[in-house]
Amino acid sequence: MAFLEPATLQGKYARLEPLSHDHIDGLTEAVRDGELWKLWYTAIPTTENMKKEIDRRLGLFAAGTMLPFTVFDAEGKIAGMTTYMNVDAANRRVEIGSTWYAKRVQRSAVNTQCKLLLLTHAFEKLNCIAVEFRTHFFNHQSRRGIERLGAKLDGILRSHQIAPNGTLRDTVVYSIIASEWPTVKAHLTYQLNEKPR
């Protein structure tokens, strides 16, 4: 059995389904909400490139290095994408990343719910020893969101990648390790139950 098998993960505020070509119309509508591809420090597909992005992610799934999901909100409307990526099955590590959400669900309970679902699956079903998060140094919104989860800063990989616009990306690396998971889980569950956002 492969380390990562497709799964549907369900919570009160969001549902994660394995990415499918059937989701292209909903994903195109979601990415249009906020014109997310205009953020220079992210790699979010344009409406015209959505099929190509779905193909790319499904290709990485076939290669065993990614498990991509489509994000649905509580009303069952497609709200974005997220993945397990940079899969290291031998060392039971994954990164949660390549995540984007329609503007209408940003700063809502959707991201917290998705992260709780993904982290629960990673630590309790896959027995991961660590889950990693990476983001661009200048993506301050993403960095704040990762820190709110309870992830700890591992460091900054300077001049880590060349961006499509030719700039050099400094990548900020965070992680949650297995021994921290019970506390992080309690924190995220509290956020969802007591003050959903």
C-alpha atoms as a PDB file:
ATOM      1  CA  MET A   1       0.000   0.000   0.000  1.00  0.00           C
ATOM      2  CA  ALA A   2       1.262   3.482  -0.879  1.00  0.00           C
ATOM      3  CA  PHE A   3       2.108   5.890   1.931  1.00  0.00           C
ATOM      4  CA  LEU A   4      -0.500   8.359   0.656  1.00  0.00           C
ATOM      5  CA  GLU A   5      -3.847   7.032  -0.522  1.00  0.00           C
ATOM      6  CA  PRO A   6      -6.639   9.359  -1.743  1.00  0.00           C
ATOM      7  CA  ALA A   7      -9.061  10.189   1.065  1.00  0.00           C
ATOM      8  CA  THR A   8     -11.972  12.535   1.683  1.00  0.00           C
ATOM      9  CA  LEU A   9     -11.576  14.500   4.925  1.00  0.00           C
ATOM     10  CA  GLN A  10     -14.716  16.085   6.398  1.00  0.00           C
ATOM     11  CA  GLY A  11     -15.169  18.770   9.046  1.00  0.00           C
ATOM     12  CA  LYS A  12     -17.890  21.204  10.105  1.00  0.00           C
ATOM     13  CA  TYR A  13     -16.504  24.143   8.106  1.00  0.00           C
ATOM     14  CA  ALA A  14     -14.777  22.429   5.164  1.00  0.00           C
ATOM     15  CA  ARG A  15     -14.414  19.198   3.229  1.00  0.00           C
ATOM     16  CA  LEU A  16     -11.324  18.017   1.355  1.00  0.00           C
ATOM     17  CA  GLU A  17     -11.817  15.754  -1.644  1.00  0.00           C
ATOM     18  CA  PRO A  18      -9.137  14.251  -3.880  1.00  0.00           C
ATOM     19  CA  LEU A  19      -8.465  16.672  -6.731  1.00  0.00           C
ATOM     20  CA  SER A  20     -10.281  15.787  -9.949  1.00  0.00           C
ATOM     21  CA  HIS A  21     -10.677  17.228 -13.439  1.00  0.00           C
ATOM     22  CA  ASP A  22     -14.387  17.369 -12.564  1.00  0.00           C
ATOM     23  CA  HIS A  23     -13.556  20.292 -10.238  1.00  0.00           C
ATOM     24  CA  ILE A  24     -12.130  22.571 -12.951  1.00  0.00           C
ATOM     25  CA  ASP A  25     -15.167  24.886 -13.267  1.00  0.00           C
ATOM     26  CA  GLY A  26     -15.472  25.393  -9.500  1.00  0.00           C
ATOM     27  CA  LEU A  27     -11.734  25.936  -9.099  1.00  0.00           C
ATOM     28  CA  THR A  28     -11.697  28.451 -11.954  1.00  0.00           C
ATOM     29  CA  GLU A  29     -14.546  30.366 -10.322  1.00  0.00           C
ATOM     30  CA  ALA A  30     -12.805  30.236  -6.932  1.00  0.00           C
ATOM     31  CA  VAL A  31      -9.448  31.538  -8.198  1.00  0.00           C
ATOM     32  CA  ARG A  32     -11.259  34.377  -9.991  1.00  0.00           C
ATOM     33  CA  ASP A  33     -12.531  35.557  -6.562  1.00  0.00           C
ATOM     34  CA  GLY A  34      -9.767  37.972  -5.597  1.00  0.00           C
ATOM     35  CA  GLU A  35      -7.694  37.425  -8.774  1.00  0.00           C
ATOM     36  CA  LEU A  36      -5.265  35.502  -6.602  1.00  0.00           C
ATOM     37  CA  TRP A  37      -2.702  34.925  -9.353  1.00  0.00           C
ATOM     38  CA  LYS A  38      -1.766  38.619  -9.165  1.00  0.00           C
ATOM     39  CA  LEU A  39       0.096  38.143  -5.865  1.00  0.00           C
ATOM     40  CA  TRP A  40       3.696  38.297  -7.092  1.00  0.00           C
ATOM     41  CA  TYR A  41       5.097  36.152  -4.267  1.00  0.00           C
ATOM     42  CA  THR A  42       2.797  33.168  -4.853  1.00  0.00           C
ATOM     43  CA  ALA A  43       2.364  30.588  -7.606  1.00  0.00           C
ATOM     44  CA  ILE A  44      -1.416  30.474  -7.982  1.00  0.00           C
ATOM     45  CA  PRO A  45      -2.861  29.393 -11.333  1.00  0.00           C
ATOM     46  CA  THR A  46      -4.684  31.823 -13.586  1.00  0.00           C
ATOM     47  CA  THR A  47      -8.131  30.928 -14.850  1.00  0.00           C
ATOM     48  CA  GLU A  48      -6.573  30.015 -18.215  1.00  0.00           C
ATOM     49  CA  ASN A  49      -3.993  27.703 -16.601  1.00  0.00           C
ATOM     50  CA  MET A  50      -6.293  25.818 -14.205  1.00  0.00           C
ATOM     51  CA  LYS A  51      -6.402  22.635 -16.321  1.00  0.00           C
ATOM     52  CA  LYS A  52      -2.609  22.699 -16.632  1.00  0.00           C
ATOM     53  CA  GLU A  53      -2.284  23.078 -12.828  1.00  0.00           C
ATOM     54  CA  ILE A  54      -4.686  20.190 -12.194  1.00  0.00           C
ATOM     55  CA  ASP A  55      -2.682  18.073 -14.655  1.00  0.00           C
ATOM     56  CA  ARG A  56       0.575  19.045 -12.889  1.00  0.00           C
ATOM     57  CA  ARG A  57      -0.729  18.127  -9.447  1.00  0.00           C
ATOM     58  CA  LEU A  58      -2.258  14.845 -10.631  1.00  0.00           C
ATOM     59  CA  GLY A  59       1.054  14.019 -12.346  1.00  0.00           C
ATOM     60  CA  LEU A  60       2.894  14.524  -9.058  1.00  0.00           C
ATOM     61  CA  PHE A  61       0.282  12.330  -7.346  1.00  0.00           C
ATOM     62  CA  ALA A  62       0.936   9.588  -9.908  1.00  0.00           C
ATOM     63  CA  ALA A  63       4.667   9.933  -9.145  1.00  0.00           C
ATOM     64  CA  GLY A  64       3.990   9.502  -5.406  1.00  0.00           C
ATOM     65  CA  THR A  65       5.229  12.943  -4.342  1.00  0.00           C
ATOM     66  CA  MET A  66       1.931  14.786  -3.822  1.00  0.00           C
ATOM     67  CA  LEU A  67      -1.636  14.148  -2.671  1.00  0.00           C
ATOM     68  CA  PRO A  68      -3.730  17.067  -3.954  1.00  0.00           C
ATOM     69  CA  PHE A  69      -7.140  18.080  -2.613  1.00  0.00           C
ATOM     70  CA  THR A  70      -9.974  20.354  -3.669  1.00  0.00           C
ATOM     71  CA  VAL A  71     -11.337  22.430  -0.777  1.00  0.00           C
ATOM     72  CA  PHE A  72     -15.104  22.751  -0.362  1.00  0.00           C
ATOM     73  CA  ASP A  73     -16.730  25.190   2.089  1.00  0.00           C
ATOM     74  CA  ALA A  74     -19.571  24.315   4.487  1.00  0.00           C
ATOM     75  CA  GLU A  75     -22.152  24.994   1.764  1.00  0.00           C
ATOM     76  CA  GLY A  76     -20.448  22.521  -0.570  1.00  0.00           C
ATOM     77  CA  LYS A  77     -19.018  25.181  -2.892  1.00  0.00           C
ATOM     78  CA  ILE A  78     -15.444  24.820  -4.166  1.00  0.00           C
ATOM     79  CA  ALA A  79     -13.211  27.269  -2.286  1.00  0.00           C
ATOM     80  CA  GLY A  80      -9.623  26.374  -3.253  1.00  0.00           C
ATOM     81  CA  MET A  81      -6.851  23.777  -3.334  1.00  0.00           C
ATOM     82  CA  THR A  82      -4.337  22.296  -0.894  1.00  0.00           C
ATOM     83  CA  THR A  83      -1.898  19.366  -0.885  1.00  0.00           C
ATOM     84  CA  TYR A  84       0.377  17.045   0.919  1.00  0.00           C
ATOM     85  CA  MET A  85       3.618  17.588  -1.008  1.00  0.00           C
ATOM     86  CA  ASN A  86       7.353  16.868  -0.868  1.00  0.00           C
ATOM     87  CA  VAL A  87       6.362  13.464   0.466  1.00  0.00           C
ATOM     88  CA  ASP A  88       9.140  11.585   2.268  1.00  0.00           C
ATOM     89  CA  ALA A  89       7.519   8.215   2.948  1.00  0.00           C
ATOM     90  CA  ALA A  90      10.714   6.608   4.269  1.00  0.00           C
ATOM     91  CA  ASN A  91      10.951   9.236   7.007  1.00  0.00           C
ATOM     92  CA  ARG A  92       7.171   9.680   7.417  1.00  0.00           C
ATOM     93  CA  ARG A  93       7.241  13.392   6.657  1.00  0.00           C
ATOM     94  CA  VAL A  94       4.989  15.535   4.491  1.00  0.00           C
ATOM     95  CA  GLU A  95       4.640  19.210   3.730  1.00  0.00           C
ATOM     96  CA  ILE A  96       1.232  20.875   3.663  1.00  0.00           C
ATOM     97  CA  GLY A  97       1.375  23.453   0.916  1.00  0.00           C
ATOM     98  CA  SER A  98       0.434  24.752  -2.524  1.00  0.00           C
ATOM     99  CA  THR A  99      -2.664  26.066  -0.765  1.00  0.00           C
ATOM    100  CA  TRP A 100      -4.879  28.864  -1.982  1.00  0.00           C
ATOM    101  CA  TYR A 101      -8.416  29.957  -1.128  1.00  0.00           C
ATOM    102  CA  ALA A 102     -11.028  32.158  -2.786  1.00  0.00           C
ATOM    103  CA  LYS A 103     -11.104  35.594  -1.197  1.00  0.00           C
ATOM    104  CA  ARG A 104     -14.628  34.954   0.151  1.00  0.00           C
ATOM    105  CA  VAL A 105     -13.333  32.287   2.585  1.00  0.00           C
ATOM    106  CA  GLN A 106     -10.048  33.892   3.585  1.00  0.00           C
ATOM    107  CA  ARG A 107      -9.949  34.783   7.297  1.00  0.00           C
ATOM    108  CA  SER A 108     -12.800  32.344   7.922  1.00  0.00           C
ATOM    109  CA  ALA A 109     -12.858  28.957   9.650  1.00  0.00           C
ATOM    110  CA  VAL A 110     -12.080  27.187   6.363  1.00  0.00           C
ATOM    111  CA  ASN A 111      -8.275  27.306   6.652  1.00  0.00           C
ATOM    112  CA  THR A 112      -8.253  26.299  10.327  1.00  0.00           C
ATOM    113  CA  GLN A 113     -10.594  23.390   9.543  1.00  0.00           C
ATOM    114  CA  CYS A 114      -8.501  22.257   6.577  1.00  0.00           C
ATOM    115  CA  LYS A 115      -5.284  22.341   8.563  1.00  0.00           C
ATOM    116  CA  LEU A 116      -6.900  20.419  11.443  1.00  0.00           C
ATOM    117  CA  LEU A 117      -8.131  17.757   8.996  1.00  0.00           C
ATOM    118  CA  LEU A 118      -4.773  17.467   7.227  1.00  0.00           C
ATOM    119  CA  LEU A 119      -2.715  17.431  10.418  1.00  0.00           C
ATOM    120  CA  THR A 120      -5.016  14.881  12.078  1.00  0.00           C
ATOM    121  CA  HIS A 121      -4.715  12.596   9.053  1.00  0.00           C
ATOM    122  CA  ALA A 122      -0.935  13.077   8.886  1.00  0.00           C
ATOM    123  CA  PHE A 123      -0.222  12.381  12.556  1.00  0.00           C
ATOM    124  CA  GLU A 124      -3.007   9.912  13.411  1.00  0.00           C
ATOM    125  CA  LYS A 125      -3.420   7.903  10.180  1.00  0.00           C
ATOM    126  CA  LEU A 126      -0.031   8.235   8.467  1.00  0.00           C
ATOM    127  CA  ASN A 127       1.975   8.297  11.733  1.00  0.00           C
ATOM    128  CA  CYS A 128       4.087  11.204  10.503  1.00  0.00           C
ATOM    129  CA  ILE A 129       6.992  12.281  12.664  1.00  0.00           C
ATOM    130  CA  ALA A 130       6.800  15.845  11.330  1.00  0.00           C
ATOM    131  CA  VAL A 131       4.664  18.028   9.076  1.00  0.00           C
ATOM    132  CA  GLU A 132       6.297  20.967   7.353  1.00  0.00           C
ATOM    133  CA  PHE A 133       5.019  24.279   5.997  1.00  0.00           C
ATOM    134  CA  ARG A 134       6.935  26.566   3.634  1.00  0.00           C
ATOM    135  CA  THR A 135       6.148  30.022   2.332  1.00  0.00           C
ATOM    136  CA  HIS A 136       7.740  33.023   0.648  1.00  0.00           C
ATOM    137  CA  PHE A 137       9.498  35.428   3.010  1.00  0.00           C
ATOM    138  CA  PHE A 138       7.241  38.250   1.784  1.00  0.00           C
ATOM    139  CA  ASN A 139       3.998  36.289   2.175  1.00  0.00           C
ATOM    140  CA  HIS A 140       3.275  37.774   5.595  1.00  0.00           C
ATOM    141  CA  GLN A 141      -0.376  36.669   5.598  1.00  0.00           C
ATOM    142  CA  SER A 142       0.673  33.055   5.077  1.00  0.00           C
ATOM    143  CA  ARG A 143       3.412  33.299   7.715  1.00  0.00           C
ATOM    144  CA  ARG A 144       0.961  34.653  10.301  1.00  0.00           C
ATOM    145  CA  GLY A 145      -1.497  31.888   9.437  1.00  0.00           C
ATOM    146  CA  ILE A 146       1.145  29.174   9.833  1.00  0.00           C
ATOM    147  CA  GLU A 147       2.284  30.628  13.155  1.00  0.00           C
ATOM    148  CA  ARG A 148      -1.345  30.754  14.388  1.00  0.00           C
ATOM    149  CA  LEU A 149      -1.525  27.007  13.818  1.00  0.00           C
ATOM    150  CA  GLY A 150       1.236  26.493  16.364  1.00  0.00           C
ATOM    151  CA  ALA A 151       3.993  25.585  13.903  1.00  0.00           C
ATOM    152  CA  LYS A 152       7.534  26.503  14.930  1.00  0.00           C
ATOM    153  CA  LEU A 153      10.034  28.330  12.752  1.00  0.00           C
ATOM    154  CA  ASP A 154      12.805  26.017  11.536  1.00  0.00           C
ATOM    155  CA  GLY A 155      14.630  28.676   9.551  1.00  0.00           C
ATOM    156  CA  ILE A 156      14.919  30.562   6.275  1.00  0.00           C
ATOM    157  CA  LEU A 157      16.370  29.044   3.110  1.00  0.00           C
ATOM    158  CA  ARG A 158      17.963  32.091   1.495  1.00  0.00           C
ATOM    159  CA  SER A 159      17.919  32.402  -2.310  1.00  0.00           C
ATOM    160  CA  HIS A 160      16.121  29.072  -2.285  1.00  0.00           C
ATOM    161  CA  GLN A 161      14.327  29.305  -5.633  1.00  0.00           C
ATOM    162  CA  ILE A 162      14.110  31.434  -8.754  1.00  0.00           C
ATOM    163  CA  ALA A 163      10.560  32.763  -9.127  1.00  0.00           C
ATOM    164  CA  PRO A 164       8.802  32.965 -12.526  1.00  0.00           C
ATOM    165  CA  ASN A 165       9.428  36.737 -12.530  1.00  0.00           C
ATOM    166  CA  GLY A 166      13.179  36.149 -12.050  1.00  0.00           C
ATOM    167  CA  THR A 167      13.378  37.233  -8.410  1.00  0.00           C
ATOM    168  CA  LEU A 168      15.024  35.042  -5.799  1.00  0.00           C
ATOM    169  CA  ARG A 169      12.729  33.514  -3.210  1.00  0.00           C
ATOM    170  CA  ASP A 170      13.774  33.242   0.421  1.00  0.00           C
ATOM    171  CA  THR A 171      11.699  30.325   1.753  1.00  0.00           C
ATOM    172  CA  VAL A 172      10.537  30.385   5.377  1.00  0.00           C
ATOM    173  CA  VAL A 173      10.294  26.842   6.793  1.00  0.00           C
ATOM    174  CA  TYR A 174       8.066  25.842   9.716  1.00  0.00           C
ATOM    175  CA  SER A 175       7.133  22.471  11.189  1.00  0.00           C
ATOM    176  CA  ILE A 176       5.019  20.684  13.740  1.00  0.00           C
ATOM    177  CA  ILE A 177       6.555  17.517  15.182  1.00  0.00           C
ATOM    178  CA  ALA A 178       4.660  14.519  16.512  1.00  0.00           C
ATOM    179  CA  SER A 179       5.272  15.345  20.195  1.00  0.00           C
ATOM    180  CA  GLU A 180       3.694  18.793  19.658  1.00  0.00           C
ATOM    181  CA  TRP A 181       0.614  17.458  17.901  1.00  0.00           C
ATOM    182  CA  PRO A 182      -1.663  16.917  20.963  1.00  0.00           C
ATOM    183  CA  THR A 183      -1.201  20.554  22.031  1.00  0.00           C
ATOM    184  CA  VAL A 184      -1.621  21.886  18.477  1.00  0.00           C
ATOM    185  CA  LYS A 185      -4.742  19.741  18.041  1.00  0.00           C
ATOM    186  CA  ALA A 186      -6.256  21.112  21.251  1.00  0.00           C
ATOM    187  CA  HIS A 187      -5.453  24.653  20.107  1.00  0.00           C
ATOM    188  CA  LEU A 188      -7.018  24.246  16.653  1.00  0.00           C
ATOM    189  CA  THR A 189     -10.076  22.474  18.065  1.00  0.00           C
ATOM    190  CA  TYR A 190     -10.555  25.317  20.546  1.00  0.00           C
ATOM    191  CA  GLN A 191     -10.289  27.883  17.750  1.00  0.00           C
ATOM    192  CA  LEU A 192     -12.979  26.124  15.744  1.00  0.00           C
ATOM    193  CA  ASN A 193     -15.335  25.431  18.654  1.00  0.00           C
ATOM    194  CA  GLU A 194     -14.987  28.637  20.655  1.00  0.00           C
ATOM    195  CA  LYS A 195     -14.227  31.331  18.115  1.00  0.00           C
ATOM    196  CA  PRO A 196     -14.472  30.113  14.528  1.00  0.00           C
ATOM    197  CA  ARG A 197     -12.754  32.390  12.006  1.00  0.00           C
END
